[in-house]
Amino acid sequence: MCEFTVFLDGERVFEDAVFCRVEAGELLLKDILGQSKRFSRCHIVEVNVVAEKIVLEKD
C-alpha cells in the first residue's frame, strides 16, 4: 500500500496518508490508522507516487 508524507510550504505536516478529500472547502487527510487532519486555505500542487509525497501550498 502507498502511504504518503504530506508537506505544506516545505514543512512535513502529516505522515502515512492514505486518504485525501476536499470537504467543506478544506483538505481532509487520513492515515492508515484512521487519524485525520484538516487543512484550510491550501491546495495540492503535487502528488508523487514514486516518492510517496503530497505537496500542499497555501492559497
PDB file of N, CA and C in Angstrom:
ATOM      1  N   MET A   1       0.846  -1.177   0.000  1.00  0.00           N
ATOM      2  CA  MET A   1       0.000   0.000   0.000  1.00  0.00           C
ATOM      3  C   MET A   1       0.886   1.233   0.000  1.00  0.00           C
ATOM      4  N   CYS A   2       0.456   2.259  -0.694  1.00  0.00           N
ATOM      5  CA  CYS A   2       1.207   3.500  -0.818  1.00  0.00           C
ATOM      6  C   CYS A   2       0.743   4.483   0.271  1.00  0.00           C
ATOM      7  N   GLU A   3       1.656   4.876   1.109  1.00  0.00           N
ATOM      8  CA  GLU A   3       1.367   5.840   2.175  1.00  0.00           C
ATOM      9  C   GLU A   3       2.210   7.080   1.928  1.00  0.00           C
ATOM     10  N   PHE A   4       1.573   8.241   1.991  1.00  0.00           N
ATOM     11  CA  PHE A   4       2.223   9.482   1.607  1.00  0.00           C
ATOM     12  C   PHE A   4       2.642  10.320   2.817  1.00  0.00           C
ATOM     13  N   THR A   5       3.770  10.999   2.659  1.00  0.00           N
ATOM     14  CA  THR A   5       4.167  12.054   3.579  1.00  0.00           C
ATOM     15  C   THR A   5       3.673  13.357   2.955  1.00  0.00           C
ATOM     16  N   VAL A   6       3.073  14.222   3.776  1.00  0.00           N
ATOM     17  CA  VAL A   6       2.463  15.449   3.271  1.00  0.00           C
ATOM     18  C   VAL A   6       3.287  16.646   3.734  1.00  0.00           C
ATOM     19  N   PHE A   7       3.576  17.519   2.774  1.00  0.00           N
ATOM     20  CA  PHE A   7       4.362  18.724   3.047  1.00  0.00           C
ATOM     21  C   PHE A   7       3.516  19.951   2.732  1.00  0.00           C
ATOM     22  N   LEU A   8       3.612  20.959   3.589  1.00  0.00           N
ATOM     23  CA  LEU A   8       2.948  22.249   3.364  1.00  0.00           C
ATOM     24  C   LEU A   8       4.018  23.320   3.423  1.00  0.00           C
ATOM     25  N   ASP A   9       4.223  24.002   2.294  1.00  0.00           N
ATOM     26  CA  ASP A   9       5.249  25.044   2.187  1.00  0.00           C
ATOM     27  C   ASP A   9       6.605  24.540   2.675  1.00  0.00           C
ATOM     28  N   GLY A  10       6.959  23.313   2.288  1.00  0.00           N
ATOM     29  CA  GLY A  10       8.259  22.754   2.602  1.00  0.00           C
ATOM     30  C   GLY A  10       8.388  22.087   3.960  1.00  0.00           C
ATOM     31  N   GLU A  11       7.354  22.157   4.781  1.00  0.00           N
ATOM     32  CA  GLU A  11       7.387  21.571   6.120  1.00  0.00           C
ATOM     33  C   GLU A  11       6.554  20.296   6.158  1.00  0.00           C
ATOM     34  N   ARG A  12       7.089  19.237   6.763  1.00  0.00           N
ATOM     35  CA  ARG A  12       6.341  17.979   6.906  1.00  0.00           C
ATOM     36  C   ARG A  12       5.210  18.206   7.907  1.00  0.00           C
ATOM     37  N   VAL A  13       3.965  17.955   7.467  1.00  0.00           N
ATOM     38  CA  VAL A  13       2.807  18.239   8.323  1.00  0.00           C
ATOM     39  C   VAL A  13       1.947  17.016   8.615  1.00  0.00           C
ATOM     40  N   PHE A  14       2.155  15.903   7.874  1.00  0.00           N
ATOM     41  CA  PHE A  14       1.348  14.709   8.082  1.00  0.00           C
ATOM     42  C   PHE A  14       2.089  13.530   7.471  1.00  0.00           C
ATOM     43  N   GLU A  15       1.988  12.366   8.109  1.00  0.00           N
ATOM     44  CA  GLU A  15       2.675  11.185   7.605  1.00  0.00           C
ATOM     45  C   GLU A  15       1.703  10.025   7.432  1.00  0.00           C
ATOM     46  N   ASP A  16       2.060   9.124   6.554  1.00  0.00           N
ATOM     47  CA  ASP A  16       1.317   7.886   6.304  1.00  0.00           C
ATOM     48  C   ASP A  16      -0.103   8.123   5.811  1.00  0.00           C
ATOM     49  N   ALA A  17      -0.300   9.185   5.022  1.00  0.00           N
ATOM     50  CA  ALA A  17      -1.622   9.482   4.469  1.00  0.00           C
ATOM     51  C   ALA A  17      -2.009   8.442   3.431  1.00  0.00           C
ATOM     52  N   VAL A  18      -3.230   7.953   3.543  1.00  0.00           N
ATOM     53  CA  VAL A  18      -3.770   7.004   2.573  1.00  0.00           C
ATOM     54  C   VAL A  18      -5.085   7.496   1.974  1.00  0.00           C
ATOM     55  N   PHE A  19      -5.561   8.661   2.446  1.00  0.00           N
ATOM     56  CA  PHE A  19      -6.860   9.187   2.020  1.00  0.00           C
ATOM     57  C   PHE A  19      -6.779  10.703   1.989  1.00  0.00           C
ATOM     58  N   CYS A  20      -7.339  11.294   0.939  1.00  0.00           N
ATOM     59  CA  CYS A  20      -7.390  12.753   0.831  1.00  0.00           C
ATOM     60  C   CYS A  20      -8.676  13.129   0.107  1.00  0.00           C
ATOM     61  N   ARG A  21      -9.408  14.086   0.684  1.00  0.00           N
ATOM     62  CA  ARG A  21     -10.657  14.533   0.060  1.00  0.00           C
ATOM     63  C   ARG A  21     -10.893  15.986   0.438  1.00  0.00           C
ATOM     64  N   VAL A  22     -11.557  16.731  -0.443  1.00  0.00           N
ATOM     65  CA  VAL A  22     -11.981  18.095  -0.134  1.00  0.00           C
ATOM     66  C   VAL A  22     -13.361  18.012   0.487  1.00  0.00           C
ATOM     67  N   GLU A  23     -13.494  18.584   1.693  1.00  0.00           N
ATOM     68  CA  GLU A  23     -14.776  18.637   2.409  1.00  0.00           C
ATOM     69  C   GLU A  23     -14.981  20.043   2.929  1.00  0.00           C
ATOM     70  N   ALA A  24     -16.060  20.651   2.542  1.00  0.00           N
ATOM     71  CA  ALA A  24     -16.410  21.995   3.017  1.00  0.00           C
ATOM     72  C   ALA A  24     -15.255  22.971   2.841  1.00  0.00           C
ATOM     73  N   GLY A  25     -14.581  22.886   1.688  1.00  0.00           N
ATOM     74  CA  GLY A  25     -13.501  23.812   1.386  1.00  0.00           C
ATOM     75  C   GLY A  25     -12.180  23.515   2.077  1.00  0.00           C
ATOM     76  N   GLU A  26     -12.077  22.388   2.766  1.00  0.00           N
ATOM     77  CA  GLU A  26     -10.841  22.005   3.446  1.00  0.00           C
ATOM     78  C   GLU A  26     -10.354  20.670   2.894  1.00  0.00           C
ATOM     79  N   LEU A  27      -9.039  20.449   2.972  1.00  0.00           N
ATOM     80  CA  LEU A  27      -8.489  19.145   2.630  1.00  0.00           C
ATOM     81  C   LEU A  27      -8.521  18.271   3.867  1.00  0.00           C
ATOM     82  N   LEU A  28      -9.107  17.110   3.757  1.00  0.00           N
ATOM     83  CA  LEU A  28      -9.157  16.136   4.841  1.00  0.00           C
ATOM     84  C   LEU A  28      -8.196  15.015   4.498  1.00  0.00           C
ATOM     85  N   LEU A  29      -7.232  14.767   5.379  1.00  0.00           N
ATOM     86  CA  LEU A  29      -6.272  13.682   5.207  1.00  0.00           C
ATOM     87  C   LEU A  29      -6.472  12.675   6.319  1.00  0.00           C
ATOM     88  N   LYS A  30      -6.341  11.389   5.978  1.00  0.00           N
ATOM     89  CA  LYS A  30      -6.420  10.326   6.979  1.00  0.00           C
ATOM     90  C   LYS A  30      -5.239   9.394   6.797  1.00  0.00           C
ATOM     91  N   ASP A  31      -4.752   8.847   7.920  1.00  0.00           N
ATOM     92  CA  ASP A  31      -3.664   7.885   7.836  1.00  0.00           C
ATOM     93  C   ASP A  31      -4.209   6.466   7.931  1.00  0.00           C
ATOM     94  N   ILE A  32      -3.327   5.511   7.888  1.00  0.00           N
ATOM     95  CA  ILE A  32      -3.698   4.092   7.872  1.00  0.00           C
ATOM     96  C   ILE A  32      -4.466   3.678   9.123  1.00  0.00           C
ATOM     97  N   LEU A  33      -4.257   4.393  10.237  1.00  0.00           N
ATOM     98  CA  LEU A  33      -4.934   4.073  11.496  1.00  0.00           C
ATOM     99  C   LEU A  33      -6.241   4.846  11.673  1.00  0.00           C
ATOM    100  N   GLY A  34      -6.589   5.692  10.701  1.00  0.00           N
ATOM    101  CA  GLY A  34      -7.828   6.452  10.773  1.00  0.00           C
ATOM    102  C   GLY A  34      -7.696   7.812  11.425  1.00  0.00           C
ATOM    103  N   GLN A  35      -6.492   8.169  11.879  1.00  0.00           N
ATOM    104  CA  GLN A  35      -6.300   9.511  12.424  1.00  0.00           C
ATOM    105  C   GLN A  35      -6.388  10.499  11.276  1.00  0.00           C
ATOM    106  N   SER A  36      -6.936  11.676  11.546  1.00  0.00           N
ATOM    107  CA  SER A  36      -7.148  12.629  10.465  1.00  0.00           C
ATOM    108  C   SER A  36      -6.655  14.017  10.839  1.00  0.00           C
ATOM    109  N   LYS A  37      -6.462  14.814   9.804  1.00  0.00           N
ATOM    110  CA  LYS A  37      -6.070  16.211   9.976  1.00  0.00           C
ATOM    111  C   LYS A  37      -6.674  16.992   8.824  1.00  0.00           C
ATOM    112  N   ARG A  38      -7.148  18.200   9.129  1.00  0.00           N
ATOM    113  CA  ARG A  38      -7.753  19.067   8.123  1.00  0.00           C
ATOM    114  C   ARG A  38      -6.846  20.259   7.861  1.00  0.00           C
ATOM    115  N   PHE A  39      -6.823  20.670   6.605  1.00  0.00           N
ATOM    116  CA  PHE A  39      -6.029  21.821   6.195  1.00  0.00           C
ATOM    117  C   PHE A  39      -6.946  22.780   5.447  1.00  0.00           C
ATOM    118  N   SER A  40      -6.982  24.013   5.896  1.00  0.00           N
ATOM    119  CA  SER A  40      -7.813  25.016   5.225  1.00  0.00           C
ATOM    120  C   SER A  40      -6.912  26.000   4.483  1.00  0.00           C
ATOM    121  N   ARG A  41      -7.501  26.653   3.502  1.00  0.00           N
ATOM    122  CA  ARG A  41      -6.823  27.666   2.703  1.00  0.00           C
ATOM    123  C   ARG A  41      -5.523  27.151   2.078  1.00  0.00           C
ATOM    124  N   CYS A  42      -5.588  25.947   1.506  1.00  0.00           N
ATOM    125  CA  CYS A  42      -4.442  25.409   0.786  1.00  0.00           C
ATOM    126  C   CYS A  42      -4.938  24.492  -0.323  1.00  0.00           C
ATOM    127  N   HIS A  43      -4.031  24.119  -1.206  1.00  0.00           N
ATOM    128  CA  HIS A  43      -4.388  23.246  -2.320  1.00  0.00           C
ATOM    129  C   HIS A  43      -3.221  22.308  -2.619  1.00  0.00           C
ATOM    130  N   ILE A  44      -3.505  21.227  -3.334  1.00  0.00           N
ATOM    131  CA  ILE A  44      -2.495  20.248  -3.715  1.00  0.00           C
ATOM    132  C   ILE A  44      -1.777  20.751  -4.961  1.00  0.00           C
ATOM    133  N   VAL A  45      -0.444  20.762  -4.914  1.00  0.00           N
ATOM    134  CA  VAL A  45       0.336  21.147  -6.087  1.00  0.00           C
ATOM    135  C   VAL A  45       1.081  19.961  -6.689  1.00  0.00           C
ATOM    136  N   GLU A  46       1.242  18.876  -5.904  1.00  0.00           N
ATOM    137  CA  GLU A  46       1.948  17.711  -6.431  1.00  0.00           C
ATOM    138  C   GLU A  46       1.545  16.455  -5.673  1.00  0.00           C
ATOM    139  N   VAL A  47       1.334  15.379  -6.413  1.00  0.00           N
ATOM    140  CA  VAL A  47       1.188  14.039  -5.848  1.00  0.00           C
ATOM    141  C   VAL A  47       2.225  13.187  -6.559  1.00  0.00           C
ATOM    142  N   ASN A  48       3.198  12.678  -5.798  1.00  0.00           N
ATOM    143  CA  ASN A  48       4.295  11.910  -6.370  1.00  0.00           C
ATOM    144  C   ASN A  48       4.251  10.507  -5.768  1.00  0.00           C
ATOM    145  N   VAL A  49       3.758   9.543  -6.536  1.00  0.00           N
ATOM    146  CA  VAL A  49       3.608   8.176  -6.050  1.00  0.00           C
ATOM    147  C   VAL A  49       4.966   7.529  -5.836  1.00  0.00           C
ATOM    148  N   VAL A  50       5.919   7.773  -6.729  1.00  0.00           N
ATOM    149  CA  VAL A  50       7.247   7.168  -6.612  1.00  0.00           C
ATOM    150  C   VAL A  50       7.935   7.626  -5.326  1.00  0.00           C
ATOM    151  N   ALA A  51       7.862   8.928  -5.026  1.00  0.00           N
ATOM    152  CA  ALA A  51       8.488   9.484  -3.820  1.00  0.00           C
ATOM    153  C   ALA A  51       7.562   9.385  -2.605  1.00  0.00           C
ATOM    154  N   GLU A  52       6.322   8.935  -2.815  1.00  0.00           N
ATOM    155  CA  GLU A  52       5.312   8.814  -1.754  1.00  0.00           C
ATOM    156  C   GLU A  52       5.131  10.118  -0.991  1.00  0.00           C
ATOM    157  N   LYS A  53       4.909  11.205  -1.750  1.00  0.00           N
ATOM    158  CA  LYS A  53       4.691  12.502  -1.108  1.00  0.00           C
ATOM    159  C   LYS A  53       3.581  13.278  -1.785  1.00  0.00           C
ATOM    160  N   ILE A  54       2.912  14.087  -0.971  1.00  0.00           N
ATOM    161  CA  ILE A  54       1.911  15.042  -1.437  1.00  0.00           C
ATOM    162  C   ILE A  54       2.399  16.413  -0.997  1.00  0.00           C
ATOM    163  N   VAL A  55       2.406  17.351  -1.929  1.00  0.00           N
ATOM    164  CA  VAL A  55       2.857  18.700  -1.622  1.00  0.00           C
ATOM    165  C   VAL A  55       1.665  19.646  -1.662  1.00  0.00           C
ATOM    166  N   LEU A  56       1.463  20.364  -0.562  1.00  0.00           N
ATOM    167  CA  LEU A  56       0.401  21.361  -0.450  1.00  0.00           C
ATOM    168  C   LEU A  56       1.028  22.744  -0.483  1.00  0.00           C
ATOM    169  N   GLU A  57       0.201  23.716  -0.876  1.00  0.00           N
ATOM    170  CA  GLU A  57       0.636  25.110  -0.885  1.00  0.00           C
ATOM    171  C   GLU A  57      -0.508  25.960  -0.364  1.00  0.00           C
ATOM    172  N   LYS A  58      -0.184  26.981   0.418  1.00  0.00           N
ATOM    173  CA  LYS A  58      -1.218  27.879   0.944  1.00  0.00           C
ATOM    174  C   LYS A  58      -1.806  28.697  -0.190  1.00  0.00           C
ATOM    175  N   ASP A  59      -3.108  28.984  -0.089  1.00  0.00           N
ATOM    176  CA  ASP A  59      -3.792  29.821  -1.089  1.00  0.00           C
ATOM    177  C   ASP A  59      -3.369  31.266  -0.936  1.00  0.00           C
TER     178      ASP A  59
END
